[in-house]
Amino acid sequence: MGDSFKARDISLKAQKKLLSKMSNKTIAKNFIDGNLASVLDNLYSLFKGYLRNKFNTIVKTVISFYEVAFTFDKVFLTKISNDCRDLLKQLVGNHLTDKSLGRIDHVLDAFTDPAFMEEMFRPETPHRPILQKIIEDMSKAFDEGGI
């Protein structure tokens, strides 16, 4: 064997490989006691519920802005959308790659673009028919508990 062989390096590589294969919820439960697992599960549920409430607020706001002429508030809609973005990224940040997190930003940047929002909520917009279909689908999903 050459001088470059080091047992420590091989050991570290083996440990990393083993840990990467073991990183799932079942294995994690072996290292976390019942109380800590319960705390983490409840925190996750709390955070997820809070995110759902924020999203519901966005849906209700968009529906209201569509249904009631001249109520559109760009600053408010941008703020609650960005709050929801931040919560979503905190919730999924450890589970997604930077590229996937960038996709979240890309989509929400498009929806919160001031020119786009102003065009969509302008009463005489040519996009009103398709926006009406979106609003109807959102209302139906909200009423049926899908949102």
N, C-alpha and C. Protein backbone atom coordinates (compact mmCIF):
# COMPACT_ATOMS: atom_id res chain seq x y z
N MET A 1 0.83 -1.18 0.00
CA MET A 1 0.00 0.00 0.00
C MET A 1 0.87 1.24 0.00
N GLY A 2 0.35 2.31 -0.59
CA GLY A 2 1.11 3.55 -0.69
C GLY A 2 1.04 4.35 0.60
N ASP A 3 1.79 5.41 0.63
CA ASP A 3 1.83 6.27 1.80
C ASP A 3 0.54 7.08 1.98
N SER A 4 -0.31 7.11 0.96
CA SER A 4 -1.51 7.93 1.04
C SER A 4 -2.66 7.26 1.80
N PHE A 5 -2.54 5.98 2.14
CA PHE A 5 -3.59 5.28 2.87
C PHE A 5 -3.63 5.75 4.31
N LYS A 6 -4.79 6.14 4.76
CA LYS A 6 -4.96 6.55 6.16
C LYS A 6 -6.24 5.92 6.67
N ALA A 7 -6.12 5.15 7.71
CA ALA A 7 -7.27 4.46 8.29
C ALA A 7 -8.33 5.45 8.75
N ARG A 8 -7.88 6.57 9.26
CA ARG A 8 -8.83 7.59 9.74
C ARG A 8 -9.71 8.11 8.61
N ASP A 9 -9.11 8.39 7.45
CA ASP A 9 -9.88 8.87 6.30
C ASP A 9 -10.90 7.83 5.84
N ILE A 10 -10.47 6.58 5.79
CA ILE A 10 -11.37 5.51 5.39
C ILE A 10 -12.51 5.38 6.40
N SER A 11 -12.18 5.49 7.67
CA SER A 11 -13.19 5.39 8.72
C SER A 11 -14.21 6.52 8.60
N LEU A 12 -13.76 7.73 8.36
CA LEU A 12 -14.68 8.87 8.21
C LEU A 12 -15.58 8.69 7.00
N LYS A 13 -15.00 8.22 5.90
CA LYS A 13 -15.80 7.99 4.68
C LYS A 13 -16.86 6.92 4.94
N ALA A 14 -16.47 5.87 5.65
CA ALA A 14 -17.42 4.80 5.95
C ALA A 14 -18.54 5.31 6.86
N GLN A 15 -18.19 6.12 7.84
CA GLN A 15 -19.21 6.68 8.75
C GLN A 15 -20.18 7.57 7.98
N LYS A 16 -19.65 8.42 7.11
CA LYS A 16 -20.52 9.29 6.31
C LYS A 16 -21.45 8.48 5.44
N LYS A 17 -20.91 7.45 4.80
CA LYS A 17 -21.72 6.60 3.93
C LYS A 17 -22.82 5.91 4.73
N LEU A 18 -22.46 5.38 5.89
CA LEU A 18 -23.42 4.70 6.74
C LEU A 18 -24.50 5.65 7.23
N LEU A 19 -24.11 6.82 7.68
CA LEU A 19 -25.08 7.79 8.17
C LEU A 19 -26.00 8.28 7.06
N SER A 20 -25.47 8.44 5.85
CA SER A 20 -26.33 8.90 4.75
C SER A 20 -27.38 7.85 4.42
N LYS A 21 -27.05 6.59 4.60
CA LYS A 21 -28.01 5.51 4.35
C LYS A 21 -29.03 5.39 5.47
N MET A 22 -28.67 5.87 6.66
CA MET A 22 -29.53 5.72 7.83
C MET A 22 -30.39 6.94 8.09
N SER A 23 -30.29 7.97 7.30
CA SER A 23 -30.98 9.22 7.60
C SER A 23 -32.44 9.16 7.15
N ASN A 24 -33.25 8.58 7.97
CA ASN A 24 -34.69 8.59 7.75
C ASN A 24 -35.39 8.71 9.09
N LYS A 25 -36.68 8.84 9.06
CA LYS A 25 -37.45 9.10 10.28
C LYS A 25 -37.35 7.95 11.28
N THR A 26 -37.36 6.71 10.79
CA THR A 26 -37.30 5.56 11.68
C THR A 26 -35.98 5.53 12.44
N ILE A 27 -34.89 5.75 11.75
CA ILE A 27 -33.58 5.75 12.40
C ILE A 27 -33.48 6.93 13.36
N ALA A 28 -34.00 8.08 12.96
CA ALA A 28 -33.94 9.27 13.82
C ALA A 28 -34.66 9.01 15.14
N LYS A 29 -35.75 8.27 15.10
CA LYS A 29 -36.49 7.98 16.32
C LYS A 29 -35.66 7.16 17.31
N ASN A 30 -34.70 6.38 16.80
CA ASN A 30 -33.84 5.61 17.69
C ASN A 30 -32.89 6.51 18.48
N PHE A 31 -32.60 7.69 17.97
CA PHE A 31 -31.69 8.60 18.63
C PHE A 31 -32.39 9.72 19.40
N ILE A 32 -33.71 9.81 19.26
CA ILE A 32 -34.48 10.86 19.93
C ILE A 32 -35.47 10.18 20.86
N ASP A 33 -35.50 10.62 22.11
CA ASP A 33 -36.43 10.00 23.05
C ASP A 33 -37.86 10.45 22.76
N GLY A 34 -38.80 9.79 23.39
CA GLY A 34 -40.22 10.04 23.14
C GLY A 34 -40.66 11.47 23.40
N ASN A 35 -40.15 12.07 24.46
CA ASN A 35 -40.53 13.44 24.79
C ASN A 35 -40.05 14.43 23.74
N LEU A 36 -38.79 14.30 23.34
CA LEU A 36 -38.25 15.21 22.33
C LEU A 36 -38.95 15.00 20.99
N ALA A 37 -39.23 13.76 20.65
CA ALA A 37 -39.95 13.47 19.41
C ALA A 37 -41.33 14.12 19.43
N SER A 38 -42.00 14.05 20.58
CA SER A 38 -43.31 14.67 20.71
C SER A 38 -43.23 16.18 20.56
N VAL A 39 -42.22 16.79 21.19
CA VAL A 39 -42.02 18.24 21.06
C VAL A 39 -41.80 18.61 19.60
N LEU A 40 -40.92 17.89 18.92
CA LEU A 40 -40.63 18.19 17.51
C LEU A 40 -41.86 18.00 16.62
N ASP A 41 -42.61 16.92 16.85
CA ASP A 41 -43.84 16.68 16.08
C ASP A 41 -44.86 17.80 16.30
N ASN A 42 -45.01 18.22 17.55
CA ASN A 42 -45.98 19.28 17.85
C ASN A 42 -45.54 20.63 17.31
N LEU A 43 -44.24 20.92 17.36
CA LEU A 43 -43.74 22.16 16.77
C LEU A 43 -43.97 22.17 15.26
N TYR A 44 -43.72 21.04 14.63
CA TYR A 44 -43.96 20.93 13.20
C TYR A 44 -45.43 21.17 12.88
N SER A 45 -46.32 20.55 13.65
CA SER A 45 -47.77 20.72 13.43
C SER A 45 -48.18 22.17 13.63
N LEU A 46 -47.64 22.80 14.67
CA LEU A 46 -47.95 24.20 14.96
C LEU A 46 -47.50 25.10 13.81
N PHE A 47 -46.28 24.88 13.37
CA PHE A 47 -45.72 25.68 12.29
C PHE A 47 -46.49 25.47 10.98
N LYS A 48 -46.83 24.22 10.71
CA LYS A 48 -47.59 23.89 9.50
C LYS A 48 -48.97 24.54 9.55
N GLY A 49 -49.62 24.50 10.72
CA GLY A 49 -50.93 25.14 10.87
C GLY A 49 -50.85 26.64 10.68
N TYR A 50 -49.79 27.24 11.21
CA TYR A 50 -49.60 28.69 11.05
C TYR A 50 -49.40 29.05 9.58
N LEU A 51 -48.64 28.23 8.86
CA LEU A 51 -48.44 28.45 7.43
C LEU A 51 -49.76 28.31 6.68
N ARG A 52 -50.55 27.31 7.05
CA ARG A 52 -51.85 27.12 6.40
C ARG A 52 -52.75 28.33 6.63
N ASN A 53 -52.73 28.88 7.84
CA ASN A 53 -53.53 30.08 8.13
C ASN A 53 -53.09 31.26 7.28
N LYS A 54 -51.77 31.41 7.13
CA LYS A 54 -51.26 32.50 6.27
C LYS A 54 -51.72 32.31 4.84
N PHE A 55 -51.64 31.06 4.36
CA PHE A 55 -52.06 30.79 2.98
C PHE A 55 -53.55 31.04 2.82
N ASN A 56 -54.35 30.64 3.81
CA ASN A 56 -55.79 30.91 3.77
C ASN A 56 -56.06 32.41 3.70
N THR A 57 -55.28 33.19 4.44
CA THR A 57 -55.44 34.64 4.40
C THR A 57 -55.16 35.17 3.00
N ILE A 58 -54.14 34.64 2.35
CA ILE A 58 -53.83 35.06 0.98
C ILE A 58 -54.99 34.72 0.05
N VAL A 59 -55.51 33.50 0.16
CA VAL A 59 -56.61 33.07 -0.71
C VAL A 59 -57.83 33.96 -0.51
N LYS A 60 -58.22 34.19 0.75
CA LYS A 60 -59.39 35.04 1.03
C LYS A 60 -59.16 36.46 0.52
N THR A 61 -57.94 36.95 0.66
CA THR A 61 -57.62 38.31 0.22
C THR A 61 -57.73 38.43 -1.29
N VAL A 62 -57.17 37.47 -2.00
CA VAL A 62 -57.23 37.50 -3.47
C VAL A 62 -58.68 37.43 -3.94
N ILE A 63 -59.46 36.55 -3.32
CA ILE A 63 -60.88 36.44 -3.68
C ILE A 63 -61.60 37.78 -3.44
N SER A 64 -61.35 38.38 -2.29
CA SER A 64 -61.97 39.65 -1.96
C SER A 64 -61.56 40.75 -2.93
N PHE A 65 -60.27 40.83 -3.24
CA PHE A 65 -59.80 41.85 -4.18
C PHE A 65 -60.46 41.69 -5.55
N TYR A 66 -60.71 40.46 -5.95
CA TYR A 66 -61.35 40.20 -7.23
C TYR A 66 -62.83 40.60 -7.18
N GLU A 67 -63.51 40.20 -6.11
CA GLU A 67 -64.95 40.39 -6.03
C GLU A 67 -65.38 41.82 -5.72
N VAL A 68 -64.55 42.57 -5.00
CA VAL A 68 -64.91 43.93 -4.61
C VAL A 68 -63.99 44.91 -5.32
N ALA A 69 -64.56 45.61 -6.30
CA ALA A 69 -63.77 46.54 -7.12
C ALA A 69 -63.08 47.60 -6.28
N PHE A 70 -61.89 47.95 -6.69
CA PHE A 70 -61.10 49.03 -6.10
C PHE A 70 -60.68 48.77 -4.64
N THR A 71 -60.62 47.50 -4.23
CA THR A 71 -60.13 47.18 -2.89
C THR A 71 -58.71 46.63 -2.92
N PHE A 72 -58.16 46.44 -4.11
CA PHE A 72 -56.82 45.87 -4.26
C PHE A 72 -55.79 46.70 -3.52
N ASP A 73 -55.01 46.04 -2.67
CA ASP A 73 -53.95 46.68 -1.89
C ASP A 73 -52.66 45.92 -2.16
N LYS A 74 -51.86 46.46 -3.06
CA LYS A 74 -50.62 45.81 -3.50
C LYS A 74 -49.65 45.60 -2.34
N VAL A 75 -49.52 46.58 -1.47
CA VAL A 75 -48.58 46.49 -0.36
C VAL A 75 -48.98 45.36 0.59
N PHE A 76 -50.26 45.28 0.92
CA PHE A 76 -50.75 44.24 1.82
C PHE A 76 -50.56 42.85 1.21
N LEU A 77 -50.96 42.68 -0.05
CA LEU A 77 -50.85 41.37 -0.70
C LEU A 77 -49.39 40.95 -0.83
N THR A 78 -48.51 41.89 -1.13
CA THR A 78 -47.09 41.57 -1.22
C THR A 78 -46.55 41.15 0.13
N LYS A 79 -46.96 41.85 1.19
CA LYS A 79 -46.46 41.53 2.53
C LYS A 79 -46.90 40.15 2.97
N ILE A 80 -48.18 39.83 2.83
CA ILE A 80 -48.62 38.51 3.30
C ILE A 80 -48.06 37.39 2.41
N SER A 81 -47.85 37.68 1.13
CA SER A 81 -47.23 36.68 0.25
C SER A 81 -45.79 36.43 0.65
N ASN A 82 -45.07 37.48 0.97
CA ASN A 82 -43.68 37.33 1.39
C ASN A 82 -43.58 36.67 2.77
N ASP A 83 -44.52 36.95 3.66
CA ASP A 83 -44.56 36.27 4.95
C ASP A 83 -44.76 34.76 4.74
N CYS A 84 -45.67 34.42 3.85
CA CYS A 84 -45.94 33.02 3.55
C CYS A 84 -44.70 32.37 2.92
N ARG A 85 -44.04 33.07 2.03
CA ARG A 85 -42.81 32.56 1.40
C ARG A 85 -41.77 32.23 2.47
N ASP A 86 -41.57 33.16 3.41
CA ASP A 86 -40.57 32.96 4.46
C ASP A 86 -40.92 31.75 5.32
N LEU A 87 -42.18 31.62 5.69
CA LEU A 87 -42.60 30.46 6.49
C LEU A 87 -42.43 29.16 5.73
N LEU A 88 -42.81 29.17 4.47
CA LEU A 88 -42.69 27.97 3.65
C LEU A 88 -41.23 27.55 3.53
N LYS A 89 -40.35 28.50 3.29
CA LYS A 89 -38.94 28.18 3.15
C LYS A 89 -38.34 27.70 4.47
N GLN A 90 -38.83 28.22 5.60
CA GLN A 90 -38.36 27.72 6.89
C GLN A 90 -38.82 26.28 7.11
N LEU A 91 -40.05 26.00 6.68
CA LEU A 91 -40.61 24.67 6.88
C LEU A 91 -39.92 23.62 6.02
N VAL A 92 -39.61 23.95 4.78
CA VAL A 92 -39.04 22.96 3.85
C VAL A 92 -37.55 23.16 3.60
N GLY A 93 -36.97 24.19 4.18
CA GLY A 93 -35.58 24.55 3.89
C GLY A 93 -34.58 23.43 4.09
N ASN A 94 -34.76 22.62 5.12
CA ASN A 94 -33.81 21.54 5.39
C ASN A 94 -34.04 20.32 4.50
N HIS A 95 -35.13 20.33 3.73
CA HIS A 95 -35.48 19.16 2.93
C HIS A 95 -35.28 19.38 1.44
N LEU A 96 -35.02 20.62 1.04
CA LEU A 96 -34.88 20.94 -0.38
C LEU A 96 -33.49 21.48 -0.67
N THR A 97 -33.11 21.35 -1.92
CA THR A 97 -31.84 21.92 -2.35
C THR A 97 -31.98 23.42 -2.53
N ASP A 98 -30.85 24.10 -2.63
CA ASP A 98 -30.89 25.54 -2.89
C ASP A 98 -31.60 25.83 -4.21
N LYS A 99 -31.44 24.94 -5.18
CA LYS A 99 -32.10 25.12 -6.47
C LYS A 99 -33.63 25.08 -6.31
N SER A 100 -34.12 24.15 -5.51
CA SER A 100 -35.57 24.05 -5.28
C SER A 100 -36.08 25.24 -4.49
N LEU A 101 -35.31 25.69 -3.51
CA LEU A 101 -35.70 26.89 -2.77
C LEU A 101 -35.73 28.10 -3.70
N GLY A 102 -34.81 28.14 -4.65
CA GLY A 102 -34.80 29.20 -5.64
C GLY A 102 -36.06 29.18 -6.51
N ARG A 103 -36.57 28.00 -6.77
CA ARG A 103 -37.81 27.88 -7.55
C ARG A 103 -38.99 28.48 -6.79
N ILE A 104 -39.02 28.28 -5.47
CA ILE A 104 -40.07 28.90 -4.65
C ILE A 104 -40.00 30.41 -4.82
N ASP A 105 -38.78 30.95 -4.72
CA ASP A 105 -38.60 32.40 -4.89
C ASP A 105 -39.03 32.84 -6.28
N HIS A 106 -38.66 32.07 -7.29
CA HIS A 106 -38.99 32.43 -8.67
C HIS A 106 -40.51 32.54 -8.87
N VAL A 107 -41.23 31.56 -8.38
CA VAL A 107 -42.69 31.56 -8.54
C VAL A 107 -43.32 32.71 -7.76
N LEU A 108 -42.93 32.87 -6.50
CA LEU A 108 -43.53 33.93 -5.70
C LEU A 108 -43.09 35.32 -6.16
N ASP A 109 -41.89 35.44 -6.70
CA ASP A 109 -41.48 36.72 -7.29
C ASP A 109 -42.39 37.09 -8.45
N ALA A 110 -42.75 36.09 -9.25
CA ALA A 110 -43.63 36.36 -10.39
C ALA A 110 -45.01 36.82 -9.92
N PHE A 111 -45.55 36.15 -8.90
CA PHE A 111 -46.88 36.51 -8.42
C PHE A 111 -46.90 37.83 -7.67
N THR A 112 -45.80 38.21 -7.07
CA THR A 112 -45.77 39.46 -6.30
C THR A 112 -45.16 40.61 -7.09
N ASP A 113 -44.93 40.40 -8.38
CA ASP A 113 -44.44 41.49 -9.22
C ASP A 113 -45.51 42.58 -9.26
N PRO A 114 -45.15 43.81 -8.91
CA PRO A 114 -46.16 44.89 -8.84
C PRO A 114 -46.94 45.10 -10.14
N ALA A 115 -46.26 45.06 -11.27
CA ALA A 115 -46.96 45.26 -12.55
C ALA A 115 -47.96 44.13 -12.81
N PHE A 116 -47.56 42.90 -12.49
CA PHE A 116 -48.45 41.75 -12.67
C PHE A 116 -49.69 41.89 -11.79
N MET A 117 -49.47 42.19 -10.51
CA MET A 117 -50.62 42.31 -9.59
C MET A 117 -51.56 43.42 -10.02
N GLU A 118 -51.02 44.57 -10.39
CA GLU A 118 -51.88 45.68 -10.80
C GLU A 118 -52.68 45.33 -12.04
N GLU A 119 -52.07 44.61 -12.97
CA GLU A 119 -52.77 44.22 -14.19
C GLU A 119 -53.88 43.21 -13.87
N MET A 120 -53.62 42.28 -12.98
CA MET A 120 -54.60 41.24 -12.68
C MET A 120 -55.83 41.78 -11.93
N PHE A 121 -55.63 42.78 -11.09
CA PHE A 121 -56.74 43.29 -10.29
C PHE A 121 -57.35 44.57 -10.84
N ARG A 122 -56.92 44.98 -12.00
CA ARG A 122 -57.54 46.13 -12.67
C ARG A 122 -58.91 45.67 -13.17
N PRO A 123 -60.00 46.37 -12.82
CA PRO A 123 -61.34 45.90 -13.19
C PRO A 123 -61.53 45.64 -14.69
N GLU A 124 -60.89 46.41 -15.54
CA GLU A 124 -61.09 46.24 -16.98
C GLU A 124 -59.99 45.41 -17.65
N THR A 125 -59.25 44.62 -16.86
CA THR A 125 -58.17 43.82 -17.43
C THR A 125 -58.72 42.79 -18.43
N PRO A 126 -58.01 42.57 -19.51
CA PRO A 126 -58.44 41.54 -20.46
C PRO A 126 -58.27 40.12 -19.90
N HIS A 127 -57.60 40.01 -18.77
CA HIS A 127 -57.37 38.71 -18.15
C HIS A 127 -58.50 38.32 -17.19
N ARG A 128 -59.50 39.16 -17.10
CA ARG A 128 -60.59 38.95 -16.14
C ARG A 128 -61.27 37.58 -16.30
N PRO A 129 -61.55 37.10 -17.52
CA PRO A 129 -62.22 35.79 -17.64
C PRO A 129 -61.41 34.63 -17.04
N ILE A 130 -60.11 34.61 -17.29
CA ILE A 130 -59.31 33.52 -16.74
C ILE A 130 -59.12 33.70 -15.23
N LEU A 131 -59.01 34.94 -14.79
CA LEU A 131 -58.91 35.21 -13.36
C LEU A 131 -60.20 34.79 -12.66
N GLN A 132 -61.32 35.00 -13.32
CA GLN A 132 -62.60 34.57 -12.75
C GLN A 132 -62.62 33.06 -12.54
N LYS A 133 -62.11 32.31 -13.50
CA LYS A 133 -62.06 30.84 -13.37
C LYS A 133 -61.15 30.44 -12.20
N ILE A 134 -60.02 31.13 -12.07
CA ILE A 134 -59.10 30.84 -10.97
C ILE A 134 -59.78 31.12 -9.63
N ILE A 135 -60.46 32.26 -9.55
CA ILE A 135 -61.16 32.64 -8.30
C ILE A 135 -62.25 31.63 -7.98
N GLU A 136 -63.00 31.20 -8.98
CA GLU A 136 -64.04 30.21 -8.75
C GLU A 136 -63.45 28.91 -8.22
N ASP A 137 -62.33 28.48 -8.81
CA ASP A 137 -61.68 27.26 -8.35
C ASP A 137 -61.13 27.42 -6.93
N MET A 138 -60.56 28.58 -6.64
CA MET A 138 -60.05 28.83 -5.29
C MET A 138 -61.19 28.84 -4.28
N SER A 139 -62.30 29.48 -4.63
CA SER A 139 -63.46 29.53 -3.73
C SER A 139 -64.00 28.14 -3.47
N LYS A 140 -64.11 27.35 -4.52
CA LYS A 140 -64.62 25.99 -4.38
C LYS A 140 -63.68 25.15 -3.50
N ALA A 141 -62.40 25.24 -3.77
CA ALA A 141 -61.42 24.49 -2.97
C ALA A 141 -61.45 24.93 -1.51
N PHE A 142 -61.60 26.23 -1.30
CA PHE A 142 -61.67 26.75 0.07
C PHE A 142 -62.92 26.26 0.77
N ASP A 143 -64.07 26.32 0.09
CA ASP A 143 -65.33 25.88 0.68
C ASP A 143 -65.34 24.39 0.99
N GLU A 144 -64.65 23.60 0.16
CA GLU A 144 -64.62 22.15 0.34
C GLU A 144 -63.49 21.70 1.28
N GLY A 145 -62.73 22.64 1.79
CA GLY A 145 -61.66 22.30 2.73
C GLY A 145 -60.36 21.89 2.06
N GLY A 146 -60.27 22.07 0.75
CA GLY A 146 -59.06 21.71 0.03
C GLY A 146 -57.93 22.71 0.21
N ILE A 147 -58.27 23.89 0.67
CA ILE A 147 -57.25 24.92 0.92
C ILE A 147 -57.34 25.27 2.40
